[in-house]
N, C-alpha and C. Protein backbone atom coordinates (compact mmCIF):
# COMPACT_ATOMS: atom_id res chain seq x y z
N UNK A 1 58.33 63.63 149.94
CA UNK A 1 59.36 63.74 148.92
C UNK A 1 58.76 63.62 147.51
N UNK A 2 57.82 62.68 147.36
CA UNK A 2 57.20 62.49 146.05
C UNK A 2 56.42 63.74 145.63
N UNK A 3 55.76 64.38 146.59
CA UNK A 3 54.99 65.58 146.29
C UNK A 3 55.91 66.71 145.81
N UNK A 4 57.07 66.82 146.44
CA UNK A 4 58.04 67.83 146.04
C UNK A 4 58.55 67.55 144.63
N UNK A 5 58.81 66.29 144.34
CA UNK A 5 59.28 65.91 143.01
C UNK A 5 58.26 66.27 141.94
N UNK A 6 56.99 65.97 142.20
CA UNK A 6 55.94 66.31 141.24
C UNK A 6 55.85 67.81 141.03
N UNK A 7 56.03 68.57 142.13
CA UNK A 7 56.00 70.03 142.01
C UNK A 7 57.16 70.53 141.15
N UNK A 8 58.31 69.88 141.29
CA UNK A 8 59.46 70.27 140.49
C UNK A 8 59.26 69.94 139.01
N UNK A 9 58.64 68.81 138.73
CA UNK A 9 58.30 68.47 137.35
C UNK A 9 57.34 69.48 136.75
N UNK A 10 56.36 69.91 137.55
CA UNK A 10 55.41 70.92 137.08
C UNK A 10 56.13 72.23 136.78
N UNK A 11 57.09 72.58 137.63
CA UNK A 11 57.85 73.82 137.41
C UNK A 11 58.66 73.74 136.11
N UNK A 12 59.18 72.57 135.79
CA UNK A 12 59.89 72.41 134.53
C UNK A 12 58.96 72.66 133.35
N UNK A 13 57.76 72.10 133.43
CA UNK A 13 56.78 72.31 132.37
C UNK A 13 56.40 73.77 132.24
N UNK A 14 56.26 74.45 133.36
CA UNK A 14 55.92 75.88 133.33
C UNK A 14 57.03 76.70 132.69
N UNK A 15 58.27 76.33 132.98
CA UNK A 15 59.39 77.07 132.40
C UNK A 15 59.49 76.84 130.89
N UNK A 16 59.23 75.62 130.44
CA UNK A 16 59.22 75.35 129.00
C UNK A 16 58.13 76.17 128.31
N UNK A 17 56.97 76.26 128.94
CA UNK A 17 55.89 77.07 128.38
C UNK A 17 56.28 78.53 128.31
N UNK A 18 56.96 79.01 129.36
CA UNK A 18 57.42 80.41 129.36
C UNK A 18 58.46 80.63 128.27
N UNK A 19 59.37 79.68 128.08
CA UNK A 19 60.34 79.79 127.00
C UNK A 19 59.65 79.87 125.65
N UNK A 20 58.63 79.04 125.46
CA UNK A 20 57.90 79.05 124.19
C UNK A 20 57.20 80.39 123.97
N UNK A 21 56.68 80.98 125.04
CA UNK A 21 56.04 82.29 124.93
C UNK A 21 57.05 83.36 124.51
N UNK A 22 58.25 83.29 125.07
CA UNK A 22 59.30 84.25 124.71
C UNK A 22 59.78 84.04 123.28
N UNK A 23 59.87 82.78 122.85
CA UNK A 23 60.24 82.49 121.47
C UNK A 23 59.19 83.04 120.51
N UNK A 24 57.93 82.88 120.87
CA UNK A 24 56.84 83.42 120.04
C UNK A 24 56.97 84.93 119.91
N UNK A 25 57.23 85.59 121.02
CA UNK A 25 57.42 87.04 121.00
C UNK A 25 58.63 87.42 120.15
N UNK A 26 59.70 86.62 120.25
CA UNK A 26 60.93 86.92 119.52
C UNK A 26 60.74 86.81 118.01
N UNK A 27 60.12 85.73 117.54
CA UNK A 27 59.98 85.56 116.09
C UNK A 27 58.97 86.55 115.53
N UNK A 28 57.97 86.91 116.33
CA UNK A 28 57.01 87.93 115.88
C UNK A 28 57.70 89.28 115.73
N UNK A 29 58.49 89.65 116.74
CA UNK A 29 59.21 90.91 116.67
C UNK A 29 60.25 90.93 115.57
N UNK A 30 61.00 89.84 115.43
CA UNK A 30 62.04 89.77 114.40
C UNK A 30 61.44 89.86 113.01
N UNK A 31 60.31 89.19 112.79
CA UNK A 31 59.65 89.23 111.48
C UNK A 31 59.16 90.64 111.17
N UNK A 32 58.58 91.29 112.16
CA UNK A 32 58.12 92.67 111.96
C UNK A 32 59.30 93.59 111.64
N UNK A 33 60.38 93.44 112.40
CA UNK A 33 61.56 94.29 112.17
C UNK A 33 62.12 94.07 110.77
N UNK A 34 62.15 92.82 110.34
CA UNK A 34 62.70 92.49 109.03
C UNK A 34 61.89 93.09 107.89
N UNK A 35 60.58 92.91 107.97
CA UNK A 35 59.71 93.32 106.87
C UNK A 35 59.43 94.82 106.86
N UNK A 36 59.64 95.48 107.99
CA UNK A 36 59.30 96.90 108.10
C UNK A 36 60.50 97.80 108.38
N UNK A 37 61.69 97.24 108.45
CA UNK A 37 62.86 98.04 108.74
C UNK A 37 62.78 98.74 110.08
N UNK A 38 62.26 98.04 111.09
CA UNK A 38 62.04 98.62 112.41
C UNK A 38 63.25 98.36 113.30
N UNK A 39 64.10 99.36 113.42
CA UNK A 39 65.35 99.21 114.17
C UNK A 39 65.10 98.97 115.65
N UNK A 40 64.17 99.70 116.25
CA UNK A 40 63.93 99.57 117.69
C UNK A 40 63.46 98.16 118.04
N UNK A 41 62.56 97.62 117.23
CA UNK A 41 62.06 96.26 117.50
C UNK A 41 63.17 95.24 117.30
N UNK A 42 63.98 95.42 116.27
CA UNK A 42 65.10 94.50 116.05
C UNK A 42 66.03 94.48 117.25
N UNK A 43 66.35 95.66 117.75
CA UNK A 43 67.25 95.75 118.90
C UNK A 43 66.63 95.10 120.13
N UNK A 44 65.33 95.27 120.32
CA UNK A 44 64.67 94.68 121.48
C UNK A 44 64.70 93.16 121.42
N UNK A 45 64.50 92.60 120.24
CA UNK A 45 64.56 91.14 120.09
C UNK A 45 65.95 90.63 120.46
N UNK A 46 66.96 91.34 120.02
CA UNK A 46 68.34 90.94 120.29
C UNK A 46 68.62 90.96 121.80
N UNK A 47 68.18 92.02 122.46
CA UNK A 47 68.40 92.15 123.90
C UNK A 47 67.61 91.09 124.66
N UNK A 48 66.36 90.87 124.27
CA UNK A 48 65.48 89.95 125.00
C UNK A 48 65.89 88.49 124.88
N UNK A 49 66.75 88.17 123.90
CA UNK A 49 67.17 86.78 123.76
C UNK A 49 67.88 86.28 125.01
N UNK A 50 68.46 87.19 125.78
CA UNK A 50 69.13 86.79 127.01
C UNK A 50 68.17 86.14 127.99
N UNK A 51 66.90 86.57 127.98
CA UNK A 51 65.91 85.95 128.87
C UNK A 51 65.72 84.47 128.55
N UNK A 52 65.69 84.16 127.26
CA UNK A 52 65.54 82.76 126.86
C UNK A 52 66.77 81.96 127.27
N UNK A 53 67.95 82.54 127.07
CA UNK A 53 69.18 81.85 127.46
C UNK A 53 69.21 81.59 128.96
N UNK A 54 68.80 82.58 129.75
CA UNK A 54 68.80 82.42 131.20
C UNK A 54 67.83 81.34 131.66
N UNK A 55 66.66 81.29 131.02
CA UNK A 55 65.68 80.26 131.37
C UNK A 55 66.22 78.87 131.04
N UNK A 56 66.86 78.75 129.88
CA UNK A 56 67.41 77.45 129.52
C UNK A 56 68.46 77.00 130.54
N UNK A 57 69.33 77.91 130.93
CA UNK A 57 70.38 77.57 131.88
C UNK A 57 69.78 77.12 133.22
N UNK A 58 68.79 77.86 133.69
CA UNK A 58 68.15 77.52 134.96
C UNK A 58 67.43 76.18 134.88
N UNK A 59 66.70 75.98 133.79
CA UNK A 59 65.95 74.74 133.63
C UNK A 59 66.88 73.54 133.54
N UNK A 60 67.97 73.69 132.79
CA UNK A 60 68.89 72.57 132.64
C UNK A 60 69.56 72.22 133.96
N UNK A 61 69.92 73.23 134.74
CA UNK A 61 70.53 72.96 136.05
C UNK A 61 69.57 72.19 136.94
N UNK A 62 68.29 72.54 136.91
CA UNK A 62 67.31 71.85 137.75
C UNK A 62 67.07 70.43 137.26
N UNK A 63 67.10 70.24 135.94
CA UNK A 63 66.95 68.89 135.40
C UNK A 63 68.09 67.99 135.86
N UNK A 64 69.31 68.49 135.82
CA UNK A 64 70.47 67.71 136.25
C UNK A 64 70.36 67.36 137.73
N UNK A 65 69.92 68.31 138.54
CA UNK A 65 69.74 68.04 139.96
C UNK A 65 68.68 66.98 140.20
N UNK A 66 67.59 67.05 139.45
CA UNK A 66 66.54 66.04 139.59
C UNK A 66 67.06 64.65 139.23
N UNK A 67 67.83 64.58 138.15
CA UNK A 67 68.39 63.28 137.75
C UNK A 67 69.33 62.74 138.82
N UNK A 68 70.12 63.63 139.41
CA UNK A 68 71.11 63.19 140.40
C UNK A 68 70.47 62.84 141.74
N UNK A 69 69.50 63.65 142.16
CA UNK A 69 68.94 63.50 143.50
C UNK A 69 67.76 62.53 143.56
N UNK A 70 66.94 62.53 142.51
CA UNK A 70 65.72 61.72 142.54
C UNK A 70 65.85 60.40 141.80
N UNK A 71 66.81 60.32 140.88
CA UNK A 71 67.01 59.12 140.07
C UNK A 71 65.68 58.59 139.51
N UNK A 72 64.99 59.43 138.75
CA UNK A 72 63.67 59.03 138.23
C UNK A 72 63.77 57.88 137.24
N UNK A 73 62.69 57.13 137.12
CA UNK A 73 62.62 56.02 136.18
C UNK A 73 61.32 56.14 135.38
N UNK A 74 61.22 55.34 134.32
CA UNK A 74 60.00 55.23 133.51
C UNK A 74 59.52 56.60 133.03
N UNK A 75 58.25 56.89 133.27
CA UNK A 75 57.65 58.13 132.76
C UNK A 75 58.34 59.37 133.29
N UNK A 76 58.70 59.37 134.57
CA UNK A 76 59.36 60.54 135.15
C UNK A 76 60.71 60.81 134.50
N UNK A 77 61.45 59.76 134.23
CA UNK A 77 62.74 59.92 133.55
C UNK A 77 62.53 60.50 132.16
N UNK A 78 61.50 60.01 131.47
CA UNK A 78 61.19 60.51 130.14
C UNK A 78 60.88 62.00 130.18
N UNK A 79 60.15 62.43 131.19
CA UNK A 79 59.81 63.84 131.32
C UNK A 79 61.05 64.71 131.51
N UNK A 80 61.93 64.30 132.40
CA UNK A 80 63.10 65.12 132.70
C UNK A 80 64.06 65.19 131.51
N UNK A 81 64.34 64.05 130.89
CA UNK A 81 65.25 64.02 129.76
C UNK A 81 64.68 64.82 128.58
N UNK A 82 63.39 64.68 128.34
CA UNK A 82 62.77 65.41 127.24
C UNK A 82 62.76 66.91 127.52
N UNK A 83 62.56 67.29 128.77
CA UNK A 83 62.63 68.71 129.13
C UNK A 83 64.00 69.29 128.82
N UNK A 84 65.05 68.53 129.12
CA UNK A 84 66.41 68.97 128.80
C UNK A 84 66.57 69.22 127.30
N UNK A 85 66.07 68.31 126.51
CA UNK A 85 66.25 68.43 125.06
C UNK A 85 65.38 69.54 124.48
N UNK A 86 64.18 69.68 124.98
CA UNK A 86 63.30 70.73 124.46
C UNK A 86 63.80 72.11 124.85
N UNK A 87 64.38 72.25 126.02
CA UNK A 87 64.89 73.57 126.41
C UNK A 87 66.01 74.00 125.47
N UNK A 88 66.87 73.07 125.08
CA UNK A 88 67.94 73.39 124.14
C UNK A 88 67.36 73.77 122.78
N UNK A 89 66.31 73.08 122.36
CA UNK A 89 65.69 73.38 121.07
C UNK A 89 65.02 74.75 121.09
N UNK A 90 64.30 75.06 122.15
CA UNK A 90 63.66 76.37 122.25
C UNK A 90 64.70 77.49 122.30
N UNK A 91 65.80 77.24 123.01
CA UNK A 91 66.87 78.24 123.06
C UNK A 91 67.41 78.50 121.67
N UNK A 92 67.57 77.45 120.87
CA UNK A 92 68.06 77.61 119.50
C UNK A 92 67.06 78.39 118.65
N UNK A 93 65.78 78.16 118.86
CA UNK A 93 64.77 78.92 118.13
C UNK A 93 64.87 80.40 118.47
N UNK A 94 65.12 80.70 119.74
CA UNK A 94 65.33 82.08 120.13
C UNK A 94 66.55 82.68 119.43
N UNK A 95 67.61 81.89 119.32
CA UNK A 95 68.81 82.35 118.61
C UNK A 95 68.50 82.67 117.15
N UNK A 96 67.71 81.82 116.51
CA UNK A 96 67.37 82.04 115.10
C UNK A 96 66.56 83.32 114.93
N UNK A 97 65.64 83.58 115.85
CA UNK A 97 64.90 84.84 115.81
C UNK A 97 65.86 86.02 115.99
N UNK A 98 66.81 85.86 116.89
CA UNK A 98 67.81 86.92 117.09
C UNK A 98 68.63 87.14 115.82
N UNK A 99 69.01 86.07 115.15
CA UNK A 99 69.78 86.22 113.90
C UNK A 99 68.98 87.02 112.87
N UNK A 100 67.68 86.74 112.77
CA UNK A 100 66.83 87.48 111.84
C UNK A 100 66.81 88.96 112.20
N UNK A 101 66.67 89.24 113.50
CA UNK A 101 66.67 90.62 113.96
C UNK A 101 68.01 91.30 113.68
N UNK A 102 69.10 90.58 113.80
CA UNK A 102 70.42 91.15 113.53
C UNK A 102 70.59 91.51 112.06
N UNK A 103 70.05 90.69 111.18
CA UNK A 103 70.08 91.03 109.75
C UNK A 103 69.26 92.29 109.50
N UNK A 104 68.09 92.37 110.13
CA UNK A 104 67.24 93.55 109.98
C UNK A 104 67.96 94.80 110.49
N UNK A 105 68.65 94.67 111.61
CA UNK A 105 69.38 95.82 112.17
C UNK A 105 70.53 96.24 111.26
N UNK A 106 71.24 95.29 110.71
CA UNK A 106 72.37 95.60 109.85
C UNK A 106 71.92 96.33 108.58
N UNK A 107 70.74 95.99 108.08
CA UNK A 107 70.26 96.58 106.83
C UNK A 107 69.66 97.98 107.01
N UNK A 108 69.33 98.34 108.25
CA UNK A 108 68.70 99.64 108.51
C UNK A 108 69.59 100.77 107.97
N UNK A 109 69.00 101.83 107.33
CA UNK A 109 67.58 102.20 107.31
C UNK A 109 66.77 101.59 106.17
N UNK A 110 67.39 100.73 105.35
CA UNK A 110 66.62 100.03 104.34
C UNK A 110 66.18 98.69 104.92
N UNK A 111 65.48 97.90 104.14
CA UNK A 111 65.10 96.56 104.57
C UNK A 111 66.00 95.53 103.89
N UNK A 112 66.28 94.45 104.59
CA UNK A 112 67.17 93.43 104.07
C UNK A 112 66.54 92.64 102.93
N UNK A 113 65.21 92.62 102.88
CA UNK A 113 64.51 91.83 101.87
C UNK A 113 64.07 92.74 100.72
N UNK A 114 64.60 92.54 99.53
CA UNK A 114 64.16 93.35 98.38
C UNK A 114 62.73 93.02 97.98
N UNK A 115 62.11 93.94 97.27
CA UNK A 115 60.70 93.78 96.87
C UNK A 115 60.47 92.47 96.12
N UNK A 116 61.47 92.02 95.39
CA UNK A 116 61.35 90.79 94.60
C UNK A 116 61.06 89.58 95.49
N UNK A 117 61.53 89.62 96.74
CA UNK A 117 61.35 88.48 97.65
C UNK A 117 60.36 88.76 98.77
N UNK A 118 59.80 89.95 98.81
CA UNK A 118 58.93 90.30 99.93
C UNK A 118 57.77 89.32 100.12
N UNK A 119 57.04 88.94 99.07
CA UNK A 119 55.92 88.00 99.28
C UNK A 119 56.38 86.67 99.88
N UNK A 120 57.56 86.19 99.48
CA UNK A 120 58.05 84.93 100.02
C UNK A 120 58.31 85.06 101.51
N UNK A 121 58.98 86.13 101.90
CA UNK A 121 59.33 86.27 103.31
C UNK A 121 58.12 86.66 104.17
N UNK A 122 57.15 87.28 103.57
CA UNK A 122 55.89 87.48 104.32
C UNK A 122 55.27 86.12 104.63
N UNK A 123 55.32 85.22 103.66
CA UNK A 123 54.79 83.88 103.89
C UNK A 123 55.61 83.11 104.90
N UNK A 124 56.93 83.23 104.83
CA UNK A 124 57.79 82.54 105.81
C UNK A 124 57.56 83.07 107.21
N UNK A 125 57.45 84.39 107.33
CA UNK A 125 57.22 85.00 108.64
C UNK A 125 55.91 84.51 109.23
N UNK A 126 54.87 84.47 108.41
CA UNK A 126 53.57 84.01 108.90
C UNK A 126 53.61 82.56 109.36
N UNK A 127 54.26 81.70 108.58
CA UNK A 127 54.34 80.28 108.95
C UNK A 127 55.18 80.09 110.22
N UNK A 128 56.28 80.83 110.33
CA UNK A 128 57.12 80.71 111.52
C UNK A 128 56.38 81.18 112.77
N UNK A 129 55.61 82.24 112.65
CA UNK A 129 54.84 82.72 113.79
C UNK A 129 53.76 81.72 114.19
N UNK A 130 53.16 81.06 113.21
CA UNK A 130 52.17 80.03 113.54
C UNK A 130 52.84 78.86 114.26
N UNK A 131 54.03 78.48 113.81
CA UNK A 131 54.77 77.41 114.50
C UNK A 131 54.99 77.78 115.96
N UNK A 132 55.46 79.01 116.19
CA UNK A 132 55.76 79.44 117.56
C UNK A 132 54.50 79.49 118.41
N UNK A 133 53.41 80.01 117.85
CA UNK A 133 52.15 80.09 118.60
C UNK A 133 51.64 78.71 118.96
N UNK A 134 51.75 77.78 118.03
CA UNK A 134 51.25 76.43 118.26
C UNK A 134 52.13 75.65 119.22
N UNK A 135 53.43 75.91 119.20
CA UNK A 135 54.31 75.27 120.18
C UNK A 135 53.92 75.72 121.59
N UNK A 136 53.68 77.01 121.74
CA UNK A 136 53.26 77.51 123.05
C UNK A 136 51.96 76.83 123.48
N UNK A 137 51.02 76.73 122.56
CA UNK A 137 49.76 76.07 122.88
C UNK A 137 49.94 74.59 123.19
N UNK A 138 50.82 73.93 122.45
CA UNK A 138 51.07 72.51 122.65
C UNK A 138 51.68 72.25 124.03
N UNK A 139 52.66 73.06 124.40
CA UNK A 139 53.29 72.87 125.71
C UNK A 139 52.34 73.18 126.85
N UNK A 140 51.42 74.08 126.61
CA UNK A 140 50.47 74.47 127.64
C UNK A 140 49.34 73.46 127.79
N UNK A 141 48.89 72.88 126.66
CA UNK A 141 47.69 72.04 126.68
C UNK A 141 47.97 70.55 126.46
N UNK A 142 49.14 70.21 125.87
CA UNK A 142 49.47 68.83 125.48
C UNK A 142 48.48 68.29 124.44
N UNK A 143 47.90 69.18 123.65
CA UNK A 143 46.97 68.81 122.60
C UNK A 143 47.78 68.37 121.38
N UNK A 144 47.80 67.07 121.11
CA UNK A 144 48.66 66.54 120.05
C UNK A 144 48.17 66.90 118.66
N UNK A 145 46.94 67.38 118.52
CA UNK A 145 46.50 67.87 117.21
C UNK A 145 47.37 69.04 116.76
N UNK A 146 47.84 69.83 117.72
CA UNK A 146 48.70 70.96 117.38
C UNK A 146 50.04 70.49 116.84
N UNK A 147 50.50 69.33 117.31
CA UNK A 147 51.77 68.80 116.82
C UNK A 147 51.70 68.58 115.31
N UNK A 148 50.60 68.09 114.82
CA UNK A 148 50.45 67.84 113.40
C UNK A 148 50.43 69.14 112.62
N UNK A 149 49.76 70.16 113.13
CA UNK A 149 49.71 71.44 112.41
C UNK A 149 51.08 72.11 112.37
N UNK A 150 51.91 71.88 113.38
CA UNK A 150 53.27 72.41 113.37
C UNK A 150 54.06 71.77 112.23
N UNK A 151 53.89 70.48 112.04
CA UNK A 151 54.59 69.82 110.94
C UNK A 151 54.10 70.34 109.59
N UNK A 152 52.83 70.65 109.49
CA UNK A 152 52.29 71.20 108.24
C UNK A 152 52.88 72.57 107.94
N UNK A 153 53.02 73.41 108.97
CA UNK A 153 53.62 74.72 108.76
C UNK A 153 55.10 74.60 108.42
N UNK A 154 55.77 73.60 108.97
CA UNK A 154 57.16 73.38 108.61
C UNK A 154 57.29 73.03 107.13
N UNK A 155 56.37 72.28 106.60
CA UNK A 155 56.39 71.96 105.17
C UNK A 155 56.22 73.23 104.34
N UNK A 156 55.37 74.14 104.82
CA UNK A 156 55.19 75.42 104.13
C UNK A 156 56.51 76.20 104.12
N UNK A 157 57.19 76.21 105.25
CA UNK A 157 58.49 76.89 105.32
C UNK A 157 59.50 76.25 104.38
N UNK A 158 59.50 74.94 104.30
CA UNK A 158 60.41 74.24 103.38
C UNK A 158 60.14 74.66 101.93
N UNK A 159 58.86 74.76 101.59
CA UNK A 159 58.50 75.15 100.22
C UNK A 159 58.93 76.59 99.92
N UNK A 160 58.74 77.49 100.87
CA UNK A 160 59.19 78.86 100.68
C UNK A 160 60.72 78.92 100.57
N UNK A 161 61.40 78.09 101.35
CA UNK A 161 62.86 78.02 101.28
C UNK A 161 63.30 77.65 99.86
N UNK A 162 62.61 76.70 99.26
CA UNK A 162 62.89 76.32 97.87
C UNK A 162 62.61 77.47 96.92
N UNK A 163 61.52 78.21 97.18
CA UNK A 163 61.17 79.35 96.33
C UNK A 163 62.25 80.42 96.35
N UNK A 164 62.87 80.62 97.51
CA UNK A 164 63.94 81.61 97.60
C UNK A 164 65.07 81.26 96.65
N UNK A 165 65.49 80.00 96.66
CA UNK A 165 66.60 79.60 95.80
C UNK A 165 66.19 79.60 94.32
N UNK A 166 64.94 79.32 94.06
CA UNK A 166 64.46 79.41 92.68
C UNK A 166 64.54 80.86 92.19
N UNK A 167 64.22 81.80 93.08
CA UNK A 167 64.29 83.22 92.73
C UNK A 167 65.74 83.66 92.52
N UNK A 168 66.62 83.22 93.40
CA UNK A 168 68.03 83.62 93.30
C UNK A 168 68.70 83.06 92.05
N UNK A 169 68.29 81.87 91.64
CA UNK A 169 68.96 81.18 90.54
C UNK A 169 68.18 81.21 89.24
N UNK A 170 67.05 81.92 89.24
CA UNK A 170 66.17 81.87 88.08
C UNK A 170 66.53 82.78 86.93
N UNK A 171 67.59 83.57 87.08
CA UNK A 171 68.01 84.43 85.97
C UNK A 171 67.45 85.83 86.00
N UNK A 172 66.50 86.10 86.89
CA UNK A 172 65.90 87.43 86.96
C UNK A 172 66.22 88.13 88.28
N UNK A 173 67.11 87.58 89.05
CA UNK A 173 67.47 88.17 90.33
C UNK A 173 68.22 89.49 90.12
N UNK A 174 67.75 90.54 90.81
CA UNK A 174 68.31 91.86 90.63
C UNK A 174 68.97 92.40 91.90
N UNK A 175 69.10 91.56 92.92
CA UNK A 175 69.64 92.02 94.19
C UNK A 175 71.14 92.24 94.16
N UNK A 176 71.61 93.03 95.12
CA UNK A 176 73.03 93.26 95.28
C UNK A 176 73.68 92.02 95.92
N UNK A 177 75.00 91.94 95.90
CA UNK A 177 75.66 90.82 96.58
C UNK A 177 75.26 90.72 98.06
N UNK A 178 75.16 91.87 98.76
CA UNK A 178 74.76 91.84 100.17
C UNK A 178 73.33 91.32 100.32
N UNK A 179 72.44 91.74 99.43
CA UNK A 179 71.06 91.25 99.50
C UNK A 179 71.01 89.75 99.21
N UNK A 180 71.85 89.29 98.32
CA UNK A 180 71.91 87.86 98.02
C UNK A 180 72.31 87.07 99.27
N UNK A 181 73.32 87.57 99.96
CA UNK A 181 73.76 86.92 101.20
C UNK A 181 72.66 86.97 102.25
N UNK A 182 72.06 88.15 102.43
CA UNK A 182 71.03 88.30 103.46
C UNK A 182 69.83 87.40 103.19
N UNK A 183 69.37 87.37 101.96
CA UNK A 183 68.20 86.56 101.62
C UNK A 183 68.49 85.08 101.83
N UNK A 184 69.68 84.65 101.46
CA UNK A 184 70.06 83.25 101.65
C UNK A 184 70.07 82.88 103.12
N UNK A 185 70.70 83.74 103.94
CA UNK A 185 70.76 83.48 105.38
C UNK A 185 69.38 83.50 106.01
N UNK A 186 68.59 84.51 105.67
CA UNK A 186 67.26 84.64 106.27
C UNK A 186 66.38 83.43 105.95
N UNK A 187 66.45 82.98 104.72
CA UNK A 187 65.66 81.82 104.34
C UNK A 187 66.06 80.61 105.17
N UNK A 188 67.36 80.46 105.37
CA UNK A 188 67.86 79.34 106.17
C UNK A 188 67.41 79.47 107.62
N UNK A 189 67.43 80.68 108.19
CA UNK A 189 67.01 80.87 109.57
C UNK A 189 65.54 80.49 109.75
N UNK A 190 64.70 80.94 108.85
CA UNK A 190 63.27 80.60 108.96
C UNK A 190 63.04 79.11 108.78
N UNK A 191 63.75 78.52 107.81
CA UNK A 191 63.57 77.09 107.56
C UNK A 191 63.99 76.26 108.77
N UNK A 192 65.10 76.64 109.41
CA UNK A 192 65.56 75.91 110.59
C UNK A 192 64.63 76.15 111.78
N UNK A 193 64.07 77.33 111.86
CA UNK A 193 63.10 77.61 112.93
C UNK A 193 61.95 76.59 112.86
N UNK A 194 61.47 76.35 111.65
CA UNK A 194 60.41 75.35 111.48
C UNK A 194 60.85 73.96 111.86
N UNK A 195 62.07 73.59 111.47
CA UNK A 195 62.59 72.27 111.82
C UNK A 195 62.65 72.07 113.33
N UNK A 196 63.11 73.08 114.03
CA UNK A 196 63.19 72.98 115.48
C UNK A 196 61.79 72.92 116.11
N UNK A 197 60.85 73.61 115.49
CA UNK A 197 59.47 73.51 115.97
C UNK A 197 58.95 72.09 115.86
N UNK A 198 59.27 71.43 114.77
CA UNK A 198 58.88 70.03 114.60
C UNK A 198 59.54 69.16 115.67
N UNK A 199 60.79 69.47 115.99
CA UNK A 199 61.49 68.72 117.03
C UNK A 199 60.74 68.80 118.35
N UNK A 200 60.32 70.01 118.73
CA UNK A 200 59.56 70.17 119.97
C UNK A 200 58.25 69.39 119.90
N UNK A 201 57.57 69.48 118.77
CA UNK A 201 56.28 68.80 118.62
C UNK A 201 56.44 67.29 118.76
N UNK A 202 57.46 66.73 118.15
CA UNK A 202 57.65 65.28 118.21
C UNK A 202 58.07 64.83 119.61
N UNK A 203 58.86 65.65 120.27
CA UNK A 203 59.27 65.28 121.62
C UNK A 203 58.10 65.38 122.61
N UNK A 204 57.21 66.33 122.38
CA UNK A 204 56.02 66.39 123.22
C UNK A 204 55.13 65.17 122.95
N UNK A 205 55.06 64.75 121.71
CA UNK A 205 54.33 63.52 121.39
C UNK A 205 54.93 62.33 122.14
N UNK A 206 56.26 62.30 122.21
CA UNK A 206 56.95 61.24 122.96
C UNK A 206 56.58 61.29 124.44
N UNK A 207 56.53 62.50 125.02
CA UNK A 207 56.16 62.63 126.43
C UNK A 207 54.75 62.09 126.67
N UNK A 208 53.83 62.45 125.79
CA UNK A 208 52.42 62.09 126.01
C UNK A 208 52.15 60.62 125.70
N UNK A 209 52.76 60.11 124.62
CA UNK A 209 52.41 58.77 124.15
C UNK A 209 53.46 57.70 124.46
N UNK A 210 54.70 58.13 124.71
CA UNK A 210 55.78 57.16 124.89
C UNK A 210 56.27 56.57 123.59
N UNK A 211 55.87 57.16 122.45
CA UNK A 211 56.27 56.67 121.13
C UNK A 211 57.68 57.15 120.84
N UNK A 212 58.67 56.32 121.15
CA UNK A 212 60.07 56.72 121.01
C UNK A 212 60.46 56.91 119.55
N UNK A 213 59.89 56.12 118.65
CA UNK A 213 60.32 56.16 117.25
C UNK A 213 60.13 57.54 116.65
N UNK A 214 58.99 58.17 116.90
CA UNK A 214 58.72 59.48 116.30
C UNK A 214 59.70 60.52 116.81
N UNK A 215 60.07 60.43 118.08
CA UNK A 215 61.04 61.40 118.63
C UNK A 215 62.43 61.12 118.08
N UNK A 216 62.80 59.85 117.98
CA UNK A 216 64.14 59.49 117.56
C UNK A 216 64.39 59.89 116.10
N UNK A 217 63.35 59.83 115.25
CA UNK A 217 63.53 60.17 113.85
C UNK A 217 63.85 61.63 113.67
N UNK A 218 63.63 62.44 114.68
CA UNK A 218 63.90 63.87 114.55
C UNK A 218 65.24 64.27 115.16
N UNK A 219 66.05 63.32 115.60
CA UNK A 219 67.31 63.65 116.24
C UNK A 219 68.29 64.30 115.27
N UNK A 220 68.03 64.19 113.96
CA UNK A 220 68.92 64.82 112.99
C UNK A 220 68.81 66.33 113.02
N UNK A 221 67.73 66.89 113.59
CA UNK A 221 67.57 68.33 113.66
C UNK A 221 68.54 68.86 114.71
N UNK A 222 69.34 69.84 114.32
CA UNK A 222 70.33 70.39 115.25
C UNK A 222 70.47 71.87 115.08
């Protein structure tokens, strides 16, 4: 019975890693679609989000069964509960990538980001993709050095988010009302993507170290 339980825990970890891989693919595709006005890629990101949703649903059902049937304690309980929370966070990251792709699709055949903001969103896209790549690596390797770099990239996203509002309110903004709305939403989507990445990083730190305080301080991310 114990061997089966360990195998099920391993399967949960594998599914989280697969979710992270899909999230990485989603934010990469959404960023490309946004910056290049690529309708086909935007549509593919939107369609593929269902895979992330399905994985979350399957993983959560198995976590509930493990809690009910195995009644894990100590480290095992920490693993199952954290898997539940991380799956929800990764699913939300997939949603945010989908939202970016939807903005790109709506703006086609033009791009949603005007030239005035292109350098900012190129920077946001790069930082978000690094967050996603490092989350995948962190879940695969449990290398906590990656957790720190994820937090650093989140700070970069926060700074770019501030730059967007400085551009909008600086008196030289030339965008249309629709562009103003799109840029505001897109900046928020990227900024939240980084926040959720930090949530995953801190929860993985909790799994590895048992440091509850670092995980608990991130519960405000939603």
